[in-house]
Amino acid sequence: MGWLTAASLQGPPYDPAAQTISVLAAPGNSGSWVMTAAFVALGFCHLLTAWGLRPAAAAGRVALAAGGVSALAVAVFPAPSSGGSLGHGSVAAVGFAVLAAWPVLAARAGTAVPWALRPFPSLGATAVMAVGAAWFLIELHLHGVAGVAERAVTTLQSVWPFVVVVSCLRGPLRHRCPS
């Protein structure tokens, strides 16, 4: 996780409970290059997964790809070290939204569909991510533990594509994901 390395490079002035991971990529911070590289890597991972995840519905693949583009844009439009940024905030909001929506948009029905692409798990993943994003917004507004909330939701949004891919690769050969 890039934010762990970037936070350790930043040192004690950085409060991971209250401050967002985007602050770690702010120009002038000692770990900004690590966090920027992590955003770029995550963006490309989402794009490659969207391209290769043929069993998913097209709308979900497009939303996952949009999440990848958003991660790349977050690297291009970093947050300032203090205060807000309309450009960064807008890109991050779009990223949170499309990455929360992609599981339900990728869902397909049928017994041969990998379990993580079935409607119930997909809806559950989207619901958990949407609740996490709402928690993050609330904490950001209240100046609470926004860093904790952001890490929770971004971890879910980063891990779910991997879970979906693993679900496609598991199972009997005749039930493997169609190309």
N, C-alpha and C. Protein backbone atom coordinates (compact mmCIF):
# COMPACT_ATOMS: atom_id res chain seq x y z
N MET A 1 0.83 -1.19 0.00
CA MET A 1 0.00 0.00 0.00
C MET A 1 0.87 1.25 0.00
N GLY A 2 0.68 2.02 -1.06
CA GLY A 2 1.48 3.22 -1.22
C GLY A 2 1.32 4.23 -0.10
N TRP A 3 0.12 4.32 0.47
CA TRP A 3 -0.10 5.33 1.51
C TRP A 3 0.69 5.02 2.77
N LEU A 4 0.97 3.75 3.06
CA LEU A 4 1.77 3.42 4.24
C LEU A 4 3.21 3.92 4.07
N THR A 5 3.77 3.68 2.89
CA THR A 5 5.14 4.12 2.62
C THR A 5 5.21 5.64 2.58
N ALA A 6 4.26 6.27 1.88
CA ALA A 6 4.26 7.74 1.80
C ALA A 6 4.08 8.37 3.17
N ALA A 7 3.23 7.79 4.00
CA ALA A 7 3.02 8.32 5.36
C ALA A 7 4.28 8.20 6.20
N SER A 8 4.99 7.08 6.06
CA SER A 8 6.23 6.92 6.84
C SER A 8 7.29 7.91 6.38
N LEU A 9 7.32 8.23 5.09
CA LEU A 9 8.26 9.23 4.59
C LEU A 9 7.88 10.63 5.04
N GLN A 10 6.59 10.87 5.19
CA GLN A 10 6.12 12.19 5.62
C GLN A 10 6.44 12.45 7.08
N GLY A 11 6.34 11.41 7.91
CA GLY A 11 6.70 11.55 9.31
C GLY A 11 5.55 12.02 10.19
N PRO A 12 5.87 12.40 11.43
CA PRO A 12 4.86 12.75 12.45
C PRO A 12 3.89 13.89 12.10
N PRO A 13 4.26 14.86 11.27
CA PRO A 13 3.27 15.90 11.00
C PRO A 13 2.00 15.37 10.32
N TYR A 14 2.11 14.22 9.68
CA TYR A 14 0.96 13.65 8.99
C TYR A 14 0.13 12.82 9.96
N ASP A 15 -1.18 13.09 10.01
CA ASP A 15 -2.10 12.36 10.88
C ASP A 15 -2.98 11.45 10.02
N PRO A 16 -2.66 10.14 9.95
CA PRO A 16 -3.40 9.25 9.06
C PRO A 16 -4.87 9.06 9.45
N ALA A 17 -5.22 9.34 10.69
CA ALA A 17 -6.62 9.22 11.10
C ALA A 17 -7.46 10.37 10.55
N ALA A 18 -6.91 11.55 10.54
CA ALA A 18 -7.68 12.73 10.15
C ALA A 18 -7.41 13.19 8.73
N GLN A 19 -6.20 12.97 8.22
CA GLN A 19 -5.85 13.49 6.90
C GLN A 19 -6.03 12.42 5.82
N THR A 20 -6.37 12.87 4.63
CA THR A 20 -6.62 11.95 3.52
C THR A 20 -5.31 11.47 2.90
N ILE A 21 -5.43 10.39 2.13
CA ILE A 21 -4.24 9.89 1.43
C ILE A 21 -3.83 10.84 0.31
N SER A 22 -4.77 11.63 -0.19
CA SER A 22 -4.44 12.59 -1.24
C SER A 22 -3.45 13.63 -0.76
N VAL A 23 -3.50 13.98 0.51
CA VAL A 23 -2.57 14.97 1.07
C VAL A 23 -1.13 14.45 0.94
N LEU A 24 -0.97 13.13 1.00
CA LEU A 24 0.38 12.56 0.87
C LEU A 24 0.99 12.80 -0.50
N ALA A 25 0.14 13.01 -1.52
CA ALA A 25 0.64 13.27 -2.87
C ALA A 25 0.81 14.76 -3.16
N ALA A 26 0.53 15.61 -2.18
CA ALA A 26 0.63 17.05 -2.38
C ALA A 26 2.06 17.45 -2.71
N PRO A 27 2.22 18.35 -3.67
CA PRO A 27 3.56 18.81 -4.03
C PRO A 27 4.30 19.36 -2.81
N GLY A 28 5.54 18.98 -2.69
CA GLY A 28 6.38 19.43 -1.59
C GLY A 28 6.45 18.46 -0.43
N ASN A 29 5.55 17.51 -0.35
CA ASN A 29 5.62 16.51 0.71
C ASN A 29 6.69 15.48 0.36
N SER A 30 7.38 15.00 1.38
CA SER A 30 8.52 14.11 1.13
C SER A 30 8.13 12.77 0.51
N GLY A 31 6.90 12.31 0.72
CA GLY A 31 6.47 11.04 0.14
C GLY A 31 5.56 11.20 -1.05
N SER A 32 5.48 12.41 -1.61
CA SER A 32 4.53 12.66 -2.69
C SER A 32 4.78 11.78 -3.90
N TRP A 33 6.02 11.51 -4.20
CA TRP A 33 6.33 10.68 -5.37
C TRP A 33 5.81 9.26 -5.19
N VAL A 34 5.84 8.75 -3.96
CA VAL A 34 5.35 7.39 -3.69
C VAL A 34 3.83 7.34 -3.87
N MET A 35 3.13 8.31 -3.31
CA MET A 35 1.68 8.31 -3.40
C MET A 35 1.23 8.55 -4.83
N THR A 36 1.91 9.43 -5.54
CA THR A 36 1.58 9.67 -6.94
C THR A 36 1.79 8.40 -7.76
N ALA A 37 2.88 7.72 -7.53
CA ALA A 37 3.14 6.45 -8.22
C ALA A 37 2.07 5.41 -7.89
N ALA A 38 1.61 5.39 -6.63
CA ALA A 38 0.57 4.44 -6.23
C ALA A 38 -0.75 4.76 -6.94
N PHE A 39 -1.10 6.04 -7.08
CA PHE A 39 -2.32 6.41 -7.81
C PHE A 39 -2.21 5.98 -9.28
N VAL A 40 -1.04 6.19 -9.88
CA VAL A 40 -0.84 5.81 -11.28
C VAL A 40 -0.94 4.29 -11.43
N ALA A 41 -0.28 3.56 -10.54
CA ALA A 41 -0.33 2.09 -10.61
C ALA A 41 -1.76 1.59 -10.44
N LEU A 42 -2.50 2.14 -9.48
CA LEU A 42 -3.88 1.74 -9.26
C LEU A 42 -4.73 2.04 -10.49
N GLY A 43 -4.53 3.20 -11.08
CA GLY A 43 -5.28 3.57 -12.28
C GLY A 43 -5.06 2.58 -13.41
N PHE A 44 -3.80 2.22 -13.64
CA PHE A 44 -3.51 1.24 -14.70
C PHE A 44 -4.05 -0.14 -14.36
N CYS A 45 -4.00 -0.51 -13.09
CA CYS A 45 -4.58 -1.80 -12.69
C CYS A 45 -6.08 -1.85 -12.97
N HIS A 46 -6.78 -0.78 -12.65
CA HIS A 46 -8.22 -0.73 -12.93
C HIS A 46 -8.49 -0.77 -14.43
N LEU A 47 -7.70 -0.05 -15.21
CA LEU A 47 -7.88 -0.06 -16.66
C LEU A 47 -7.63 -1.45 -17.25
N LEU A 48 -6.56 -2.09 -16.82
CA LEU A 48 -6.25 -3.43 -17.34
C LEU A 48 -7.30 -4.45 -16.90
N THR A 49 -7.77 -4.34 -15.68
CA THR A 49 -8.80 -5.26 -15.20
C THR A 49 -10.08 -5.05 -15.99
N ALA A 50 -10.47 -3.81 -16.21
CA ALA A 50 -11.68 -3.53 -16.99
C ALA A 50 -11.56 -4.10 -18.40
N TRP A 51 -10.41 -3.97 -18.99
CA TRP A 51 -10.18 -4.48 -20.35
C TRP A 51 -10.27 -6.00 -20.39
N GLY A 52 -9.71 -6.66 -19.39
CA GLY A 52 -9.64 -8.12 -19.40
C GLY A 52 -10.82 -8.84 -18.78
N LEU A 53 -11.70 -8.13 -18.10
CA LEU A 53 -12.79 -8.77 -17.37
C LEU A 53 -14.01 -8.98 -18.28
N ARG A 54 -13.82 -9.79 -19.28
CA ARG A 54 -14.84 -10.03 -20.30
C ARG A 54 -16.16 -10.60 -19.74
N PRO A 55 -16.14 -11.40 -18.67
CA PRO A 55 -17.40 -11.94 -18.16
C PRO A 55 -18.32 -10.88 -17.53
N ALA A 56 -17.79 -9.74 -17.19
CA ALA A 56 -18.59 -8.68 -16.57
C ALA A 56 -19.42 -7.97 -17.63
N ALA A 57 -20.55 -7.44 -17.21
CA ALA A 57 -21.38 -6.64 -18.11
C ALA A 57 -20.60 -5.40 -18.55
N ALA A 58 -20.87 -4.97 -19.77
CA ALA A 58 -20.13 -3.85 -20.36
C ALA A 58 -20.20 -2.58 -19.52
N ALA A 59 -21.36 -2.28 -18.95
CA ALA A 59 -21.49 -1.06 -18.16
C ALA A 59 -20.56 -1.07 -16.95
N GLY A 60 -20.40 -2.23 -16.33
CA GLY A 60 -19.49 -2.34 -15.20
C GLY A 60 -18.04 -2.18 -15.60
N ARG A 61 -17.70 -2.74 -16.75
CA ARG A 61 -16.33 -2.60 -17.24
C ARG A 61 -16.00 -1.14 -17.56
N VAL A 62 -16.97 -0.44 -18.13
CA VAL A 62 -16.78 0.99 -18.44
C VAL A 62 -16.62 1.78 -17.13
N ALA A 63 -17.45 1.47 -16.14
CA ALA A 63 -17.35 2.18 -14.86
C ALA A 63 -16.01 1.90 -14.18
N LEU A 64 -15.53 0.66 -14.23
CA LEU A 64 -14.23 0.33 -13.64
C LEU A 64 -13.11 1.07 -14.38
N ALA A 65 -13.21 1.12 -15.70
CA ALA A 65 -12.22 1.87 -16.48
C ALA A 65 -12.26 3.36 -16.12
N ALA A 66 -13.46 3.90 -15.94
CA ALA A 66 -13.58 5.31 -15.53
C ALA A 66 -12.94 5.53 -14.16
N GLY A 67 -13.05 4.54 -13.27
CA GLY A 67 -12.37 4.62 -11.99
C GLY A 67 -10.86 4.64 -12.16
N GLY A 68 -10.36 3.88 -13.12
CA GLY A 68 -8.93 3.90 -13.42
C GLY A 68 -8.48 5.25 -13.95
N VAL A 69 -9.27 5.82 -14.84
CA VAL A 69 -8.95 7.15 -15.37
C VAL A 69 -8.99 8.18 -14.23
N SER A 70 -9.94 8.03 -13.33
CA SER A 70 -10.03 8.95 -12.18
C SER A 70 -8.79 8.85 -11.30
N ALA A 71 -8.29 7.63 -11.07
CA ALA A 71 -7.08 7.47 -10.27
C ALA A 71 -5.89 8.15 -10.95
N LEU A 72 -5.81 8.02 -12.27
CA LEU A 72 -4.74 8.71 -13.01
C LEU A 72 -4.91 10.23 -12.91
N ALA A 73 -6.15 10.70 -12.98
CA ALA A 73 -6.40 12.13 -12.88
C ALA A 73 -6.08 12.67 -11.48
N VAL A 74 -6.31 11.86 -10.45
CA VAL A 74 -5.95 12.27 -9.08
C VAL A 74 -4.43 12.49 -9.00
N ALA A 75 -3.67 11.68 -9.73
CA ALA A 75 -2.21 11.86 -9.75
C ALA A 75 -1.83 13.15 -10.49
N VAL A 76 -2.60 13.50 -11.52
CA VAL A 76 -2.31 14.70 -12.30
C VAL A 76 -2.76 15.97 -11.57
N PHE A 77 -3.87 15.86 -10.81
CA PHE A 77 -4.41 16.99 -10.06
C PHE A 77 -4.30 16.70 -8.56
N PRO A 78 -3.09 16.77 -8.00
CA PRO A 78 -2.94 16.44 -6.58
C PRO A 78 -3.61 17.46 -5.67
N ALA A 79 -3.95 16.99 -4.49
CA ALA A 79 -4.53 17.90 -3.48
C ALA A 79 -3.43 18.81 -2.97
N PRO A 80 -3.78 20.03 -2.60
CA PRO A 80 -2.77 20.88 -1.96
C PRO A 80 -2.47 20.35 -0.55
N SER A 81 -1.33 20.73 0.00
CA SER A 81 -0.97 20.23 1.33
C SER A 81 -1.92 20.74 2.41
N SER A 82 -2.61 21.86 2.15
CA SER A 82 -3.64 22.32 3.08
C SER A 82 -4.74 22.99 2.26
N GLY A 83 -5.93 22.96 2.78
CA GLY A 83 -7.06 23.52 2.05
C GLY A 83 -7.60 22.55 1.03
N GLY A 84 -8.48 23.02 0.19
CA GLY A 84 -9.12 22.15 -0.79
C GLY A 84 -8.75 22.54 -2.21
N SER A 85 -9.19 21.71 -3.13
CA SER A 85 -8.97 21.95 -4.54
C SER A 85 -10.18 21.45 -5.30
N LEU A 86 -10.83 22.32 -6.06
CA LEU A 86 -12.02 21.94 -6.81
C LEU A 86 -11.68 20.85 -7.83
N GLY A 87 -10.56 21.00 -8.53
CA GLY A 87 -10.17 20.01 -9.52
C GLY A 87 -9.94 18.65 -8.90
N HIS A 88 -9.15 18.61 -7.85
CA HIS A 88 -8.86 17.33 -7.19
C HIS A 88 -10.13 16.75 -6.57
N GLY A 89 -10.90 17.57 -5.89
CA GLY A 89 -12.13 17.10 -5.25
C GLY A 89 -13.12 16.54 -6.26
N SER A 90 -13.24 17.19 -7.41
CA SER A 90 -14.16 16.73 -8.44
C SER A 90 -13.74 15.38 -9.00
N VAL A 91 -12.46 15.25 -9.31
CA VAL A 91 -11.94 14.00 -9.85
C VAL A 91 -12.09 12.87 -8.83
N ALA A 92 -11.78 13.17 -7.58
CA ALA A 92 -11.89 12.16 -6.52
C ALA A 92 -13.35 11.74 -6.32
N ALA A 93 -14.27 12.70 -6.38
CA ALA A 93 -15.69 12.38 -6.21
C ALA A 93 -16.20 11.48 -7.33
N VAL A 94 -15.81 11.79 -8.56
CA VAL A 94 -16.19 10.94 -9.69
C VAL A 94 -15.61 9.54 -9.51
N GLY A 95 -14.35 9.47 -9.08
CA GLY A 95 -13.71 8.18 -8.84
C GLY A 95 -14.43 7.35 -7.79
N PHE A 96 -14.76 7.98 -6.67
CA PHE A 96 -15.50 7.28 -5.61
C PHE A 96 -16.83 6.76 -6.15
N ALA A 97 -17.53 7.59 -6.92
CA ALA A 97 -18.86 7.21 -7.42
C ALA A 97 -18.79 6.05 -8.40
N VAL A 98 -17.93 6.14 -9.39
CA VAL A 98 -17.89 5.06 -10.40
C VAL A 98 -17.32 3.77 -9.83
N LEU A 99 -16.37 3.88 -8.90
CA LEU A 99 -15.83 2.67 -8.29
C LEU A 99 -16.81 2.02 -7.32
N ALA A 100 -17.72 2.80 -6.76
CA ALA A 100 -18.77 2.21 -5.93
C ALA A 100 -19.85 1.58 -6.80
N ALA A 101 -20.09 2.15 -7.96
CA ALA A 101 -21.17 1.66 -8.83
C ALA A 101 -20.77 0.47 -9.70
N TRP A 102 -19.48 0.31 -10.00
CA TRP A 102 -19.09 -0.69 -10.99
C TRP A 102 -19.52 -2.11 -10.63
N PRO A 103 -19.48 -2.54 -9.36
CA PRO A 103 -19.87 -3.94 -9.11
C PRO A 103 -21.30 -4.25 -9.54
N VAL A 104 -22.25 -3.38 -9.20
CA VAL A 104 -23.63 -3.65 -9.56
C VAL A 104 -23.85 -3.48 -11.07
N LEU A 105 -23.09 -2.60 -11.69
CA LEU A 105 -23.19 -2.42 -13.14
C LEU A 105 -22.58 -3.60 -13.90
N ALA A 106 -21.65 -4.31 -13.25
CA ALA A 106 -20.98 -5.44 -13.88
C ALA A 106 -21.74 -6.75 -13.69
N ALA A 107 -22.77 -6.74 -12.86
CA ALA A 107 -23.47 -7.97 -12.49
C ALA A 107 -24.16 -8.61 -13.69
N ARG A 108 -24.20 -9.93 -13.63
CA ARG A 108 -24.92 -10.74 -14.63
C ARG A 108 -25.63 -11.87 -13.88
N ALA A 109 -26.72 -12.32 -14.42
CA ALA A 109 -27.47 -13.40 -13.80
C ALA A 109 -27.12 -14.72 -14.48
N GLY A 110 -27.30 -15.80 -13.73
CA GLY A 110 -27.10 -17.12 -14.30
C GLY A 110 -26.23 -17.98 -13.41
N THR A 111 -26.41 -19.28 -13.53
CA THR A 111 -25.64 -20.20 -12.67
C THR A 111 -24.19 -20.35 -13.13
N ALA A 112 -23.90 -20.06 -14.38
CA ALA A 112 -22.53 -20.17 -14.87
C ALA A 112 -21.72 -18.90 -14.63
N VAL A 113 -22.37 -17.86 -14.12
CA VAL A 113 -21.69 -16.59 -13.86
C VAL A 113 -20.86 -16.74 -12.59
N PRO A 114 -19.60 -16.27 -12.60
CA PRO A 114 -18.79 -16.32 -11.37
C PRO A 114 -19.52 -15.63 -10.22
N TRP A 115 -19.36 -16.17 -9.02
CA TRP A 115 -20.15 -15.71 -7.87
C TRP A 115 -20.01 -14.21 -7.62
N ALA A 116 -18.83 -13.62 -7.80
CA ALA A 116 -18.65 -12.19 -7.50
C ALA A 116 -19.30 -11.28 -8.54
N LEU A 117 -19.72 -11.85 -9.66
CA LEU A 117 -20.43 -11.06 -10.67
C LEU A 117 -21.94 -11.29 -10.64
N ARG A 118 -22.40 -12.09 -9.71
CA ARG A 118 -23.83 -12.33 -9.57
C ARG A 118 -24.49 -11.13 -8.89
N PRO A 119 -25.78 -10.96 -9.08
CA PRO A 119 -26.45 -9.75 -8.57
C PRO A 119 -26.31 -9.52 -7.06
N PHE A 120 -26.51 -10.55 -6.24
CA PHE A 120 -26.49 -10.32 -4.79
C PHE A 120 -25.11 -9.87 -4.28
N PRO A 121 -24.00 -10.58 -4.60
CA PRO A 121 -22.69 -10.09 -4.14
C PRO A 121 -22.33 -8.73 -4.74
N SER A 122 -22.71 -8.50 -5.99
CA SER A 122 -22.40 -7.22 -6.63
C SER A 122 -23.14 -6.07 -5.96
N LEU A 123 -24.42 -6.30 -5.67
CA LEU A 123 -25.20 -5.28 -4.98
C LEU A 123 -24.64 -5.04 -3.58
N GLY A 124 -24.24 -6.10 -2.91
CA GLY A 124 -23.65 -5.97 -1.58
C GLY A 124 -22.36 -5.16 -1.61
N ALA A 125 -21.50 -5.44 -2.59
CA ALA A 125 -20.24 -4.70 -2.71
C ALA A 125 -20.52 -3.22 -2.97
N THR A 126 -21.44 -2.94 -3.88
CA THR A 126 -21.79 -1.55 -4.17
C THR A 126 -22.35 -0.86 -2.93
N ALA A 127 -23.22 -1.54 -2.21
CA ALA A 127 -23.83 -0.95 -1.00
C ALA A 127 -22.77 -0.63 0.04
N VAL A 128 -21.85 -1.57 0.28
CA VAL A 128 -20.80 -1.34 1.28
C VAL A 128 -19.90 -0.17 0.86
N MET A 129 -19.56 -0.11 -0.43
CA MET A 129 -18.72 0.99 -0.91
C MET A 129 -19.44 2.33 -0.84
N ALA A 130 -20.73 2.33 -1.14
CA ALA A 130 -21.52 3.58 -1.07
C ALA A 130 -21.64 4.06 0.38
N VAL A 131 -21.86 3.14 1.30
CA VAL A 131 -21.92 3.50 2.73
C VAL A 131 -20.56 4.03 3.18
N GLY A 132 -19.48 3.38 2.73
CA GLY A 132 -18.13 3.85 3.07
C GLY A 132 -17.86 5.24 2.53
N ALA A 133 -18.28 5.50 1.30
CA ALA A 133 -18.10 6.83 0.72
C ALA A 133 -18.90 7.88 1.49
N ALA A 134 -20.12 7.53 1.88
CA ALA A 134 -20.94 8.46 2.68
C ALA A 134 -20.28 8.74 4.03
N TRP A 135 -19.75 7.68 4.66
CA TRP A 135 -19.04 7.86 5.93
C TRP A 135 -17.86 8.81 5.74
N PHE A 136 -17.11 8.63 4.66
CA PHE A 136 -15.97 9.50 4.37
C PHE A 136 -16.41 10.96 4.24
N LEU A 137 -17.49 11.19 3.49
CA LEU A 137 -17.97 12.56 3.32
C LEU A 137 -18.41 13.18 4.64
N ILE A 138 -19.07 12.38 5.47
CA ILE A 138 -19.50 12.87 6.79
C ILE A 138 -18.29 13.23 7.64
N GLU A 139 -17.30 12.35 7.69
CA GLU A 139 -16.10 12.62 8.49
C GLU A 139 -15.34 13.82 7.95
N LEU A 140 -15.30 13.98 6.64
CA LEU A 140 -14.63 15.12 6.03
C LEU A 140 -15.34 16.42 6.44
N HIS A 141 -16.66 16.40 6.42
CA HIS A 141 -17.45 17.58 6.80
C HIS A 141 -17.30 17.90 8.29
N LEU A 142 -17.25 16.87 9.12
CA LEU A 142 -17.16 17.07 10.57
C LEU A 142 -15.72 17.23 11.07
N HIS A 143 -14.75 17.16 10.16
CA HIS A 143 -13.33 17.20 10.53
C HIS A 143 -13.01 16.09 11.53
N GLY A 144 -13.55 14.92 11.25
CA GLY A 144 -13.34 13.76 12.11
C GLY A 144 -12.25 12.85 11.56
N VAL A 145 -12.52 11.57 11.55
CA VAL A 145 -11.53 10.59 11.11
C VAL A 145 -11.68 10.30 9.61
N ALA A 146 -11.58 11.34 8.82
CA ALA A 146 -11.71 11.21 7.36
C ALA A 146 -10.66 10.28 6.79
N GLY A 147 -9.47 10.29 7.33
CA GLY A 147 -8.41 9.42 6.84
C GLY A 147 -8.74 7.95 7.02
N VAL A 148 -9.33 7.62 8.16
CA VAL A 148 -9.72 6.23 8.43
C VAL A 148 -10.84 5.82 7.47
N ALA A 149 -11.84 6.67 7.32
CA ALA A 149 -12.97 6.35 6.44
C ALA A 149 -12.51 6.22 5.00
N GLU A 150 -11.64 7.12 4.55
CA GLU A 150 -11.15 7.06 3.18
C GLU A 150 -10.36 5.78 2.94
N ARG A 151 -9.51 5.41 3.88
CA ARG A 151 -8.72 4.18 3.72
C ARG A 151 -9.62 2.94 3.67
N ALA A 152 -10.68 2.95 4.46
CA ALA A 152 -11.60 1.82 4.46
C ALA A 152 -12.27 1.67 3.09
N VAL A 153 -12.82 2.75 2.57
CA VAL A 153 -13.54 2.65 1.30
C VAL A 153 -12.58 2.43 0.13
N THR A 154 -11.42 3.08 0.13
CA THR A 154 -10.50 2.88 -0.99
C THR A 154 -9.90 1.48 -0.97
N THR A 155 -9.73 0.92 0.21
CA THR A 155 -9.24 -0.47 0.28
C THR A 155 -10.28 -1.40 -0.34
N LEU A 156 -11.54 -1.22 0.01
CA LEU A 156 -12.61 -2.03 -0.58
C LEU A 156 -12.66 -1.85 -2.10
N GLN A 157 -12.55 -0.62 -2.55
CA GLN A 157 -12.63 -0.34 -3.98
C GLN A 157 -11.41 -0.88 -4.73
N SER A 158 -10.30 -1.01 -4.06
CA SER A 158 -9.09 -1.54 -4.69
C SER A 158 -9.07 -3.07 -4.69
N VAL A 159 -9.66 -3.68 -3.67
CA VAL A 159 -9.61 -5.14 -3.51
C VAL A 159 -10.73 -5.84 -4.28
N TRP A 160 -11.90 -5.22 -4.41
CA TRP A 160 -13.02 -5.90 -5.05
C TRP A 160 -12.71 -6.36 -6.48
N PRO A 161 -12.03 -5.57 -7.32
CA PRO A 161 -11.71 -6.10 -8.65
C PRO A 161 -10.88 -7.39 -8.58
N PHE A 162 -9.97 -7.47 -7.63
CA PHE A 162 -9.18 -8.69 -7.45
C PHE A 162 -10.08 -9.85 -7.05
N VAL A 163 -11.01 -9.61 -6.15
CA VAL A 163 -11.95 -10.66 -5.72
C VAL A 163 -12.75 -11.16 -6.93
N VAL A 164 -13.20 -10.24 -7.77
CA VAL A 164 -13.96 -10.63 -8.96
C VAL A 164 -13.12 -11.49 -9.90
N VAL A 165 -11.89 -11.07 -10.12
CA VAL A 165 -11.01 -11.84 -11.01
C VAL A 165 -10.77 -13.24 -10.44
N VAL A 166 -10.51 -13.33 -9.14
CA VAL A 166 -10.30 -14.64 -8.51
C VAL A 166 -11.55 -15.50 -8.66
N SER A 167 -12.72 -14.90 -8.51
CA SER A 167 -13.96 -15.68 -8.65
C SER A 167 -14.12 -16.18 -10.08
N CYS A 168 -13.60 -15.45 -11.04
CA CYS A 168 -13.65 -15.89 -12.44
C CYS A 168 -12.68 -17.04 -12.70
N LEU A 169 -11.58 -17.05 -12.00
CA LEU A 169 -10.55 -18.07 -12.23
C LEU A 169 -10.81 -19.37 -11.47
N ARG A 170 -11.65 -19.32 -10.46
CA ARG A 170 -11.96 -20.52 -9.66
C ARG A 170 -13.13 -21.28 -10.25
N GLY A 171 -13.27 -22.49 -9.83
CA GLY A 171 -14.43 -23.28 -10.23
C GLY A 171 -14.08 -24.28 -11.32
N PRO A 172 -15.02 -25.18 -11.60
CA PRO A 172 -14.80 -26.20 -12.62
C PRO A 172 -14.54 -25.56 -13.99
N LEU A 173 -13.80 -26.25 -14.81
CA LEU A 173 -13.43 -25.74 -16.13
C LEU A 173 -14.67 -25.36 -16.95
N ARG A 174 -15.73 -26.16 -16.89
CA ARG A 174 -16.91 -25.86 -17.71
C ARG A 174 -17.66 -24.62 -17.22
N HIS A 175 -17.35 -24.16 -15.99
CA HIS A 175 -18.02 -22.97 -15.46
C HIS A 175 -17.07 -21.77 -15.42
N ARG A 176 -15.91 -21.89 -16.02
CA ARG A 176 -14.99 -20.75 -16.03
C ARG A 176 -15.58 -19.63 -16.85
N CYS A 177 -15.05 -18.43 -16.63
CA CYS A 177 -15.59 -17.25 -17.29
C CYS A 177 -15.51 -17.38 -18.80
N PRO A 178 -16.59 -17.06 -19.50
CA PRO A 178 -16.56 -17.06 -20.95
C PRO A 178 -15.73 -15.89 -21.45
N SER A 179 -15.16 -16.05 -22.61
CA SER A 179 -14.34 -14.97 -23.18
C SER A 179 -15.16 -13.99 -23.96
